[in-house]
Amino acid sequence: MKTGTQFKLDFIYTNDCSYLLFILREIVKQISFEIENGTNQYFDNYCELVLDNFKLDQFYLTDNEVIIFFQSYDIAPYSSGIPSFAIPR
């Protein structure tokens, strides 16, 4: 983790071919929770936008999680900031 080497998500989840589906479901679940609780705003078609804008190289690692992020305007208005989602490793 401290080498500065760049890699894609499939490097982390090499033994699990369903990792992508798990990550996408977790992102949509977190967005739904935020919308229901009024803690953030997303575009109405966020499910489609998550699929269209998900990139295997837009993430960073913490000790226990993979943080997936999207660019401004990808899935939410600018006022929502950079949308990011913590996925357990």
PDB file of N, CA and C in Angstrom:
ATOM      1  N   MET A   1       0.808  -1.188   0.000  1.00  0.00           N
ATOM      2  CA  MET A   1       0.000   0.000   0.000  1.00  0.00           C
ATOM      3  C   MET A   1       0.858   1.262   0.000  1.00  0.00           C
ATOM      4  N   LYS A   2       2.081   1.182   0.404  1.00  0.00           N
ATOM      5  CA  LYS A   2       2.902   2.377   0.524  1.00  0.00           C
ATOM      6  C   LYS A   2       3.896   2.532  -0.622  1.00  0.00           C
ATOM      7  N   THR A   3       3.758   1.768  -1.681  1.00  0.00           N
ATOM      8  CA  THR A   3       4.728   1.823  -2.762  1.00  0.00           C
ATOM      9  C   THR A   3       4.406   2.867  -3.811  1.00  0.00           C
ATOM     10  N   GLY A   4       3.155   3.322  -3.873  1.00  0.00           N
ATOM     11  CA  GLY A   4       2.753   4.270  -4.899  1.00  0.00           C
ATOM     12  C   GLY A   4       2.435   3.602  -6.226  1.00  0.00           C
ATOM     13  N   THR A   5       2.408   2.287  -6.243  1.00  0.00           N
ATOM     14  CA  THR A   5       2.088   1.547  -7.457  1.00  0.00           C
ATOM     15  C   THR A   5       0.619   1.718  -7.799  1.00  0.00           C
ATOM     16  N   GLN A   6       0.322   1.982  -9.053  1.00  0.00           N
ATOM     17  CA  GLN A   6      -1.059   2.109  -9.485  1.00  0.00           C
ATOM     18  C   GLN A   6      -1.557   0.771 -10.018  1.00  0.00           C
ATOM     19  N   PHE A   7      -2.794   0.443  -9.687  1.00  0.00           N
ATOM     20  CA  PHE A   7      -3.425  -0.766 -10.190  1.00  0.00           C
ATOM     21  C   PHE A   7      -4.916  -0.561 -10.234  1.00  0.00           C
ATOM     22  N   LYS A   8      -5.625  -1.497 -10.844  1.00  0.00           N
ATOM     23  CA  LYS A   8      -7.076  -1.407 -10.964  1.00  0.00           C
ATOM     24  C   LYS A   8      -7.742  -2.309  -9.933  1.00  0.00           C
ATOM     25  N   LEU A   9      -9.042  -2.115  -9.782  1.00  0.00           N
ATOM     26  CA  LEU A   9      -9.798  -2.863  -8.775  1.00  0.00           C
ATOM     27  C   LEU A   9      -9.692  -4.367  -8.931  1.00  0.00           C
ATOM     28  N   ASP A  10      -9.636  -4.851 -10.150  1.00  0.00           N
ATOM     29  CA  ASP A  10      -9.593  -6.297 -10.332  1.00  0.00           C
ATOM     30  C   ASP A  10      -8.323  -6.916  -9.740  1.00  0.00           C
ATOM     31  N   PHE A  11      -7.313  -6.115  -9.461  1.00  0.00           N
ATOM     32  CA  PHE A  11      -6.112  -6.602  -8.788  1.00  0.00           C
ATOM     33  C   PHE A  11      -6.414  -6.945  -7.331  1.00  0.00           C
ATOM     34  N   ILE A  12      -7.265  -6.168  -6.692  1.00  0.00           N
ATOM     35  CA  ILE A  12      -7.612  -6.382  -5.289  1.00  0.00           C
ATOM     36  C   ILE A  12      -8.538  -7.582  -5.121  1.00  0.00           C
ATOM     37  N   TYR A  13      -9.473  -7.741  -6.038  1.00  0.00           N
ATOM     38  CA  TYR A  13     -10.494  -8.791  -5.939  1.00  0.00           C
ATOM     39  C   TYR A  13     -10.229  -9.919  -6.929  1.00  0.00           C
ATOM     40  N   THR A  14      -9.014 -10.369  -7.048  1.00  0.00           N
ATOM     41  CA  THR A  14      -8.649 -11.347  -8.078  1.00  0.00           C
ATOM     42  C   THR A  14      -9.339 -12.696  -7.910  1.00  0.00           C
ATOM     43  N   ASN A  15      -9.678 -13.090  -6.706  1.00  0.00           N
ATOM     44  CA  ASN A  15     -10.278 -14.408  -6.492  1.00  0.00           C
ATOM     45  C   ASN A  15     -11.804 -14.392  -6.516  1.00  0.00           C
ATOM     46  N   ASP A  16     -12.387 -13.262  -6.794  1.00  0.00           N
ATOM     47  CA  ASP A  16     -13.837 -13.148  -6.746  1.00  0.00           C
ATOM     48  C   ASP A  16     -14.341 -12.485  -8.022  1.00  0.00           C
ATOM     49  N   CYS A  17     -14.907 -13.282  -8.916  1.00  0.00           N
ATOM     50  CA  CYS A  17     -15.359 -12.747 -10.203  1.00  0.00           C
ATOM     51  C   CYS A  17     -16.638 -11.916 -10.073  1.00  0.00           C
ATOM     52  N   SER A  18     -17.294 -11.953  -8.933  1.00  0.00           N
ATOM     53  CA  SER A  18     -18.528 -11.189  -8.758  1.00  0.00           C
ATOM     54  C   SER A  18     -18.293  -9.868  -8.012  1.00  0.00           C
ATOM     55  N   TYR A  19     -17.042  -9.478  -7.871  1.00  0.00           N
ATOM     56  CA  TYR A  19     -16.741  -8.265  -7.102  1.00  0.00           C
ATOM     57  C   TYR A  19     -17.399  -7.021  -7.685  1.00  0.00           C
ATOM     58  N   LEU A  20     -17.452  -6.926  -9.003  1.00  0.00           N
ATOM     59  CA  LEU A  20     -18.015  -5.747  -9.646  1.00  0.00           C
ATOM     60  C   LEU A  20     -19.498  -5.598  -9.313  1.00  0.00           C
ATOM     61  N   LEU A  21     -20.242  -6.674  -9.382  1.00  0.00           N
ATOM     62  CA  LEU A  21     -21.661  -6.648  -9.028  1.00  0.00           C
ATOM     63  C   LEU A  21     -21.842  -6.267  -7.554  1.00  0.00           C
ATOM     64  N   PHE A  22     -21.030  -6.835  -6.691  1.00  0.00           N
ATOM     65  CA  PHE A  22     -21.081  -6.497  -5.264  1.00  0.00           C
ATOM     66  C   PHE A  22     -20.851  -5.003  -5.055  1.00  0.00           C
ATOM     67  N   ILE A  23     -19.836  -4.441  -5.692  1.00  0.00           N
ATOM     68  CA  ILE A  23     -19.506  -3.026  -5.536  1.00  0.00           C
ATOM     69  C   ILE A  23     -20.639  -2.145  -6.046  1.00  0.00           C
ATOM     70  N   LEU A  24     -21.157  -2.449  -7.222  1.00  0.00           N
ATOM     71  CA  LEU A  24     -22.240  -1.634  -7.787  1.00  0.00           C
ATOM     72  C   LEU A  24     -23.493  -1.690  -6.922  1.00  0.00           C
ATOM     73  N   ARG A  25     -23.831  -2.858  -6.425  1.00  0.00           N
ATOM     74  CA  ARG A  25     -24.993  -2.980  -5.530  1.00  0.00           C
ATOM     75  C   ARG A  25     -24.784  -2.174  -4.252  1.00  0.00           C
ATOM     76  N   GLU A  26     -23.589  -2.230  -3.714  1.00  0.00           N
ATOM     77  CA  GLU A  26     -23.286  -1.499  -2.479  1.00  0.00           C
ATOM     78  C   GLU A  26     -23.376   0.012  -2.705  1.00  0.00           C
ATOM     79  N   ILE A  27     -22.902   0.493  -3.832  1.00  0.00           N
ATOM     80  CA  ILE A  27     -22.987   1.922  -4.149  1.00  0.00           C
ATOM     81  C   ILE A  27     -24.444   2.361  -4.243  1.00  0.00           C
ATOM     82  N   VAL A  28     -25.260   1.612  -4.975  1.00  0.00           N
ATOM     83  CA  VAL A  28     -26.677   1.957  -5.135  1.00  0.00           C
ATOM     84  C   VAL A  28     -27.389   1.892  -3.785  1.00  0.00           C
ATOM     85  N   LYS A  29     -27.040   0.924  -2.955  1.00  0.00           N
ATOM     86  CA  LYS A  29     -27.631   0.820  -1.615  1.00  0.00           C
ATOM     87  C   LYS A  29     -27.281   2.046  -0.769  1.00  0.00           C
ATOM     88  N   GLN A  30     -26.037   2.470  -0.827  1.00  0.00           N
ATOM     89  CA  GLN A  30     -25.622   3.640  -0.052  1.00  0.00           C
ATOM     90  C   GLN A  30     -26.295   4.915  -0.559  1.00  0.00           C
ATOM     91  N   ILE A  31     -26.436   5.037  -1.872  1.00  0.00           N
ATOM     92  CA  ILE A  31     -27.123   6.204  -2.435  1.00  0.00           C
ATOM     93  C   ILE A  31     -28.582   6.221  -1.990  1.00  0.00           C
ATOM     94  N   SER A  32     -29.256   5.091  -2.077  1.00  0.00           N
ATOM     95  CA  SER A  32     -30.661   5.003  -1.653  1.00  0.00           C
ATOM     96  C   SER A  32     -30.812   5.412  -0.192  1.00  0.00           C
ATOM     97  N   PHE A  33     -29.901   4.957   0.639  1.00  0.00           N
ATOM     98  CA  PHE A  33     -29.926   5.307   2.062  1.00  0.00           C
ATOM     99  C   PHE A  33     -29.754   6.818   2.254  1.00  0.00           C
ATOM    100  N   GLU A  34     -28.817   7.416   1.538  1.00  0.00           N
ATOM    101  CA  GLU A  34     -28.581   8.859   1.662  1.00  0.00           C
ATOM    102  C   GLU A  34     -29.787   9.667   1.177  1.00  0.00           C
ATOM    103  N   ILE A  35     -30.418   9.217   0.106  1.00  0.00           N
ATOM    104  CA  ILE A  35     -31.606   9.909  -0.408  1.00  0.00           C
ATOM    105  C   ILE A  35     -32.744   9.818   0.603  1.00  0.00           C
ATOM    106  N   GLU A  36     -32.985   8.620   1.137  1.00  0.00           N
ATOM    107  CA  GLU A  36     -34.060   8.424   2.108  1.00  0.00           C
ATOM    108  C   GLU A  36     -33.856   9.273   3.358  1.00  0.00           C
ATOM    109  N   ASN A  37     -32.619   9.434   3.784  1.00  0.00           N
ATOM    110  CA  ASN A  37     -32.318  10.196   4.995  1.00  0.00           C
ATOM    111  C   ASN A  37     -32.092  11.679   4.721  1.00  0.00           C
ATOM    112  N   GLY A  38     -32.134  12.066   3.461  1.00  0.00           N
ATOM    113  CA  GLY A  38     -31.949  13.464   3.114  1.00  0.00           C
ATOM    114  C   GLY A  38     -30.545  13.983   3.362  1.00  0.00           C
ATOM    115  N   THR A  39     -29.552  13.088   3.380  1.00  0.00           N
ATOM    116  CA  THR A  39     -28.182  13.507   3.669  1.00  0.00           C
ATOM    117  C   THR A  39     -27.391  13.900   2.426  1.00  0.00           C
ATOM    118  N   ASN A  40     -27.922  13.616   1.242  1.00  0.00           N
ATOM    119  CA  ASN A  40     -27.237  13.998   0.010  1.00  0.00           C
ATOM    120  C   ASN A  40     -28.225  13.984  -1.142  1.00  0.00           C
ATOM    121  N   GLN A  41     -27.844  14.628  -2.243  1.00  0.00           N
ATOM    122  CA  GLN A  41     -28.696  14.681  -3.430  1.00  0.00           C
ATOM    123  C   GLN A  41     -27.995  13.985  -4.591  1.00  0.00           C
ATOM    124  N   TYR A  42     -28.791  13.295  -5.385  1.00  0.00           N
ATOM    125  CA  TYR A  42     -28.292  12.618  -6.585  1.00  0.00           C
ATOM    126  C   TYR A  42     -29.282  12.868  -7.711  1.00  0.00           C
ATOM    127  N   PHE A  43     -28.807  12.706  -8.938  1.00  0.00           N
ATOM    128  CA  PHE A  43     -29.703  12.821 -10.075  1.00  0.00           C
ATOM    129  C   PHE A  43     -30.724  11.683 -10.024  1.00  0.00           C
ATOM    130  N   ASP A  44     -31.923  11.928 -10.589  1.00  0.00           N
ATOM    131  CA  ASP A  44     -33.010  10.943 -10.532  1.00  0.00           C
ATOM    132  C   ASP A  44     -32.618   9.595 -11.131  1.00  0.00           C
ATOM    133  N   ASN A  45     -31.826   9.601 -12.180  1.00  0.00           N
ATOM    134  CA  ASN A  45     -31.430   8.355 -12.849  1.00  0.00           C
ATOM    135  C   ASN A  45     -30.065   7.863 -12.356  1.00  0.00           C
ATOM    136  N   TYR A  46     -29.824   7.971 -11.054  1.00  0.00           N
ATOM    137  CA  TYR A  46     -28.518   7.634 -10.488  1.00  0.00           C
ATOM    138  C   TYR A  46     -28.099   6.194 -10.746  1.00  0.00           C
ATOM    139  N   CYS A  47     -29.037   5.252 -10.795  1.00  0.00           N
ATOM    140  CA  CYS A  47     -28.666   3.852 -11.063  1.00  0.00           C
ATOM    141  C   CYS A  47     -27.997   3.725 -12.428  1.00  0.00           C
ATOM    142  N   GLU A  48     -28.605   4.306 -13.420  1.00  0.00           N
ATOM    143  CA  GLU A  48     -28.042   4.281 -14.776  1.00  0.00           C
ATOM    144  C   GLU A  48     -26.704   5.019 -14.819  1.00  0.00           C
ATOM    145  N   LEU A  49     -26.641   6.142 -14.142  1.00  0.00           N
ATOM    146  CA  LEU A  49     -25.417   6.946 -14.149  1.00  0.00           C
ATOM    147  C   LEU A  49     -24.269   6.243 -13.430  1.00  0.00           C
ATOM    148  N   VAL A  50     -24.559   5.515 -12.366  1.00  0.00           N
ATOM    149  CA  VAL A  50     -23.523   4.743 -11.686  1.00  0.00           C
ATOM    150  C   VAL A  50     -22.938   3.725 -12.652  1.00  0.00           C
ATOM    151  N   LEU A  51     -23.787   3.015 -13.376  1.00  0.00           N
ATOM    152  CA  LEU A  51     -23.307   2.026 -14.348  1.00  0.00           C
ATOM    153  C   LEU A  51     -22.493   2.679 -15.460  1.00  0.00           C
ATOM    154  N   ASP A  52     -22.972   3.795 -15.968  1.00  0.00           N
ATOM    155  CA  ASP A  52     -22.306   4.464 -17.085  1.00  0.00           C
ATOM    156  C   ASP A  52     -20.968   5.093 -16.700  1.00  0.00           C
ATOM    157  N   ASN A  53     -20.840   5.547 -15.467  1.00  0.00           N
ATOM    158  CA  ASN A  53     -19.665   6.324 -15.070  1.00  0.00           C
ATOM    159  C   ASN A  53     -18.699   5.597 -14.141  1.00  0.00           C
ATOM    160  N   PHE A  54     -18.992   4.353 -13.798  1.00  0.00           N
ATOM    161  CA  PHE A  54     -18.097   3.579 -12.937  1.00  0.00           C
ATOM    162  C   PHE A  54     -16.803   3.276 -13.697  1.00  0.00           C
ATOM    163  N   LYS A  55     -15.674   3.552 -13.039  1.00  0.00           N
ATOM    164  CA  LYS A  55     -14.370   3.300 -13.651  1.00  0.00           C
ATOM    165  C   LYS A  55     -13.517   2.481 -12.689  1.00  0.00           C
ATOM    166  N   LEU A  56     -12.832   1.493 -13.230  1.00  0.00           N
ATOM    167  CA  LEU A  56     -12.023   0.594 -12.411  1.00  0.00           C
ATOM    168  C   LEU A  56     -10.811   1.268 -11.777  1.00  0.00           C
ATOM    169  N   ASP A  57     -10.473   2.468 -12.211  1.00  0.00           N
ATOM    170  CA  ASP A  57      -9.301   3.130 -11.651  1.00  0.00           C
ATOM    171  C   ASP A  57      -9.641   4.357 -10.803  1.00  0.00           C
ATOM    172  N   GLN A  58     -10.911   4.549 -10.480  1.00  0.00           N
ATOM    173  CA  GLN A  58     -11.318   5.672  -9.636  1.00  0.00           C
ATOM    174  C   GLN A  58     -11.603   5.174  -8.229  1.00  0.00           C
ATOM    175  N   PHE A  59     -10.544   4.909  -7.495  1.00  0.00           N
ATOM    176  CA  PHE A  59     -10.662   4.430  -6.122  1.00  0.00           C
ATOM    177  C   PHE A  59      -9.358   4.706  -5.386  1.00  0.00           C
ATOM    178  N   TYR A  60      -9.440   4.605  -4.075  1.00  0.00           N
ATOM    179  CA  TYR A  60      -8.230   4.586  -3.250  1.00  0.00           C
ATOM    180  C   TYR A  60      -8.486   3.643  -2.085  1.00  0.00           C
ATOM    181  N   LEU A  61      -7.435   3.279  -1.401  1.00  0.00           N
ATOM    182  CA  LEU A  61      -7.519   2.296  -0.330  1.00  0.00           C
ATOM    183  C   LEU A  61      -7.328   2.937   1.028  1.00  0.00           C
ATOM    184  N   THR A  62      -8.063   2.416   2.001  1.00  0.00           N
ATOM    185  CA  THR A  62      -7.786   2.692   3.401  1.00  0.00           C
ATOM    186  C   THR A  62      -7.400   1.352   4.019  1.00  0.00           C
ATOM    187  N   ASP A  63      -7.192   1.315   5.305  1.00  0.00           N
ATOM    188  CA  ASP A  63      -6.800   0.054   5.938  1.00  0.00           C
ATOM    189  C   ASP A  63      -7.844  -1.043   5.769  1.00  0.00           C
ATOM    190  N   ASN A  64      -9.141  -0.663   5.814  1.00  0.00           N
ATOM    191  CA  ASN A  64     -10.200  -1.674   5.807  1.00  0.00           C
ATOM    192  C   ASN A  64     -11.167  -1.571   4.644  1.00  0.00           C
ATOM    193  N   GLU A  65     -11.029  -0.530   3.831  1.00  0.00           N
ATOM    194  CA  GLU A  65     -12.036  -0.291   2.796  1.00  0.00           C
ATOM    195  C   GLU A  65     -11.401   0.140   1.480  1.00  0.00           C
ATOM    196  N   VAL A  66     -12.194  -0.054   0.452  1.00  0.00           N
ATOM    197  CA  VAL A  66     -11.896   0.528  -0.850  1.00  0.00           C
ATOM    198  C   VAL A  66     -12.875   1.681  -1.013  1.00  0.00           C
ATOM    199  N   ILE A  67     -12.383   2.860  -1.295  1.00  0.00           N
ATOM    200  CA  ILE A  67     -13.242   4.028  -1.478  1.00  0.00           C
ATOM    201  C   ILE A  67     -13.387   4.270  -2.970  1.00  0.00           C
ATOM    202  N   ILE A  68     -14.595   4.066  -3.478  1.00  0.00           N
ATOM    203  CA  ILE A  68     -14.922   4.307  -4.881  1.00  0.00           C
ATOM    204  C   ILE A  68     -15.415   5.744  -4.989  1.00  0.00           C
ATOM    205  N   PHE A  69     -14.935   6.477  -5.975  1.00  0.00           N
ATOM    206  CA  PHE A  69     -15.417   7.844  -6.145  1.00  0.00           C
ATOM    207  C   PHE A  69     -15.799   8.102  -7.600  1.00  0.00           C
ATOM    208  N   PHE A  70     -16.646   9.101  -7.763  1.00  0.00           N
ATOM    209  CA  PHE A  70     -17.100   9.544  -9.078  1.00  0.00           C
ATOM    210  C   PHE A  70     -16.722  11.013  -9.235  1.00  0.00           C
ATOM    211  N   GLN A  71     -16.637  11.469 -10.453  1.00  0.00           N
ATOM    212  CA  GLN A  71     -16.319  12.867 -10.716  1.00  0.00           C
ATOM    213  C   GLN A  71     -17.559  13.739 -10.502  1.00  0.00           C
ATOM    214  N   SER A  72     -17.334  15.030 -10.335  1.00  0.00           N
ATOM    215  CA  SER A  72     -18.447  15.979 -10.227  1.00  0.00           C
ATOM    216  C   SER A  72     -19.354  15.847 -11.434  1.00  0.00           C
ATOM    217  N   TYR A  73     -20.636  15.917 -11.189  1.00  0.00           N
ATOM    218  CA  TYR A  73     -21.691  15.824 -12.203  1.00  0.00           C
ATOM    219  C   TYR A  73     -21.890  14.415 -12.784  1.00  0.00           C
ATOM    220  N   ASP A  74     -21.087  13.437 -12.418  1.00  0.00           N
ATOM    221  CA  ASP A  74     -21.286  12.079 -12.946  1.00  0.00           C
ATOM    222  C   ASP A  74     -22.615  11.491 -12.482  1.00  0.00           C
ATOM    223  N   ILE A  75     -22.887  11.585 -11.174  1.00  0.00           N
ATOM    224  CA  ILE A  75     -24.098  10.978 -10.621  1.00  0.00           C
ATOM    225  C   ILE A  75     -24.877  11.931  -9.721  1.00  0.00           C
ATOM    226  N   ALA A  76     -24.296  13.102  -9.458  1.00  0.00           N
ATOM    227  CA  ALA A  76     -24.914  14.039  -8.521  1.00  0.00           C
ATOM    228  C   ALA A  76     -24.564  15.471  -8.913  1.00  0.00           C
ATOM    229  N   PRO A  77     -25.360  16.435  -8.438  1.00  0.00           N
ATOM    230  CA  PRO A  77     -25.035  17.836  -8.714  1.00  0.00           C
ATOM    231  C   PRO A  77     -23.724  18.247  -8.038  1.00  0.00           C
ATOM    232  N   TYR A  78     -23.145  19.295  -8.542  1.00  0.00           N
ATOM    233  CA  TYR A  78     -21.873  19.810  -8.020  1.00  0.00           C
ATOM    234  C   TYR A  78     -21.945  20.097  -6.526  1.00  0.00           C
ATOM    235  N   SER A  79     -23.083  20.575  -6.069  1.00  0.00           N
ATOM    236  CA  SER A  79     -23.242  20.926  -4.652  1.00  0.00           C
ATOM    237  C   SER A  79     -23.107  19.725  -3.718  1.00  0.00           C
ATOM    238  N   SER A  80     -23.197  18.516  -4.274  1.00  0.00           N
ATOM    239  CA  SER A  80     -23.054  17.298  -3.472  1.00  0.00           C
ATOM    240  C   SER A  80     -21.591  16.936  -3.234  1.00  0.00           C
ATOM    241  N   GLY A  81     -20.685  17.623  -3.894  1.00  0.00           N
ATOM    242  CA  GLY A  81     -19.265  17.312  -3.739  1.00  0.00           C
ATOM    243  C   GLY A  81     -18.871  16.111  -4.583  1.00  0.00           C
ATOM    244  N   ILE A  82     -17.735  15.538  -4.269  1.00  0.00           N
ATOM    245  CA  ILE A  82     -17.256  14.346  -4.974  1.00  0.00           C
ATOM    246  C   ILE A  82     -17.919  13.130  -4.323  1.00  0.00           C
ATOM    247  N   PRO A  83     -18.830  12.466  -5.046  1.00  0.00           N
ATOM    248  CA  PRO A  83     -19.493  11.292  -4.464  1.00  0.00           C
ATOM    249  C   PRO A  83     -18.479  10.151  -4.231  1.00  0.00           C
ATOM    250  N   SER A  84     -18.429   9.663  -3.013  1.00  0.00           N
ATOM    251  CA  SER A  84     -17.523   8.555  -2.703  1.00  0.00           C
ATOM    252  C   SER A  84     -18.233   7.556  -1.802  1.00  0.00           C
ATOM    253  N   PHE A  85     -17.824   6.299  -1.939  1.00  0.00           N
ATOM    254  CA  PHE A  85     -18.516   5.203  -1.271  1.00  0.00           C
ATOM    255  C   PHE A  85     -17.507   4.223  -0.709  1.00  0.00           C
ATOM    256  N   ALA A  86     -17.628   3.929   0.587  1.00  0.00           N
ATOM    257  CA  ALA A  86     -16.739   3.006   1.262  1.00  0.00           C
ATOM    258  C   ALA A  86     -17.254   1.573   1.082  1.00  0.00           C
ATOM    259  N   ILE A  87     -16.413   0.740   0.490  1.00  0.00           N
ATOM    260  CA  ILE A  87     -16.758  -0.658   0.244  1.00  0.00           C
ATOM    261  C   ILE A  87     -15.818  -1.521   1.096  1.00  0.00           C
ATOM    262  N   PRO A  88     -16.362  -2.412   1.938  1.00  0.00           N
ATOM    263  CA  PRO A  88     -15.492  -3.263   2.743  1.00  0.00           C
ATOM    264  C   PRO A  88     -14.623  -4.172   1.871  1.00  0.00           C
ATOM    265  N   ARG A  89     -13.388  -4.406   2.322  1.00  0.00           N
ATOM    266  CA  ARG A  89     -12.495  -5.295   1.579  1.00  0.00           C
ATOM    267  C   ARG A  89     -12.592  -6.697   2.097  1.00  0.00           C
TER     268      ARG A  89
END
